[in-house]
Amino acid sequence: MRRPKPKRATRALAGCARAEVKVTSLTIHMGTAPLIPVSFGHGQKGIEITSSNTTIDGYEITGPGCDVYAESGGSYGIYADGVDNLTIRNCTIRQGDYFGIYIRDCTNVTIEDCIVEDITYMGICFLGVATGTIQRNVVRRIGNPPGALQPVNFNAYGIALTKGTGLCSDVLISYNTVSYIPAWHGIDFHGGLRCTIDHNTVHHVARALWMGDNNAGEDSQDCYVTNNLVTDPLNQLPNGTDSNTAISTFNSHDSFVTGNVIGDIVPKYGTITYDSNSTNLTVSGNVRGESLPA
């Protein structure tokens, strides 16, 4: 078991310009508005969390701008790697040129009641997180430029689970609203174990919900895509391909796609698509409509 570090706090100064804040504390800030402002530049991390048992509550984190896609040397609104028992709530992260919230190889993570907007690549990303919850967040206008019908760069993600040292496992993504991601996926698993996408609303996204494998060829297993609402899709990807779908499953096994409501969609590949490599899928109770049952 990792021995806890001494509890120290580094608190952001109001209006600090282009500064990185390293967090080694039990609790950074608890309270209500006004949010504490933090700004950061290209290649920086707005808040970097370096200790376990940390809560980040009530920060407004603004990056260098989102008109340039900066995959090499880009910035991170909130960054954590290898810590446990982490909560991020009531924060706004915006104007970033790479990731909004980036959490890698952490355990027991909660992201809740945040706004993540105007980010060029990924809004919220878990890499190899074991046990986590992403709930009641608003993630919107992800891509370059954010939300544009013809973004410059092809891939963008609202909320994504993918591989760190290992796969993400036992993560619940629920009651989020994800919108205006024309370049690629709203919410997705790139290889997940016992992960769930439930009761989310996704609109104006090219491919709303996606469950599949990762670049290492590791499949999703025992996952759930249930009770979500998908409406107002974008019918064309930036390269001109008519390939929007409501729900896509690829290389997924022993998993469920049930109870989802799919609105006005005219996809090329169908409202729900799955490939022949997926096995033991349960696809049932998915209906057309504009709202989830009360």
Foldseek 3Di string as FASTA:
>chain_A
DDDFDDADADEDDAPDEQDEAEGRHLEHDDDDDDAREFEHEFLEERYEYDGANYEAARHEYEYDAAQAQPPDSWYEDYHYEQYEHYEYEHYEFEGGNYEDAEYEQYEEYEYEHYEFEQYAAEYHEYANYEAYEYAHYEFAQYHNRGLDLQGPDQHHEYYEFYHHVHGYENYEYEHYEFERAQRAEYYEYQAYYLYEDAHYEYEQYQEYYEAFHHPVRHTHEAYEYAQYEYEHYNQAHNVGDRAGEDYEYEQYELYEYAHYEYEDDDGPQYNYYYDPNYYNYHYDHYYYDHDGDD
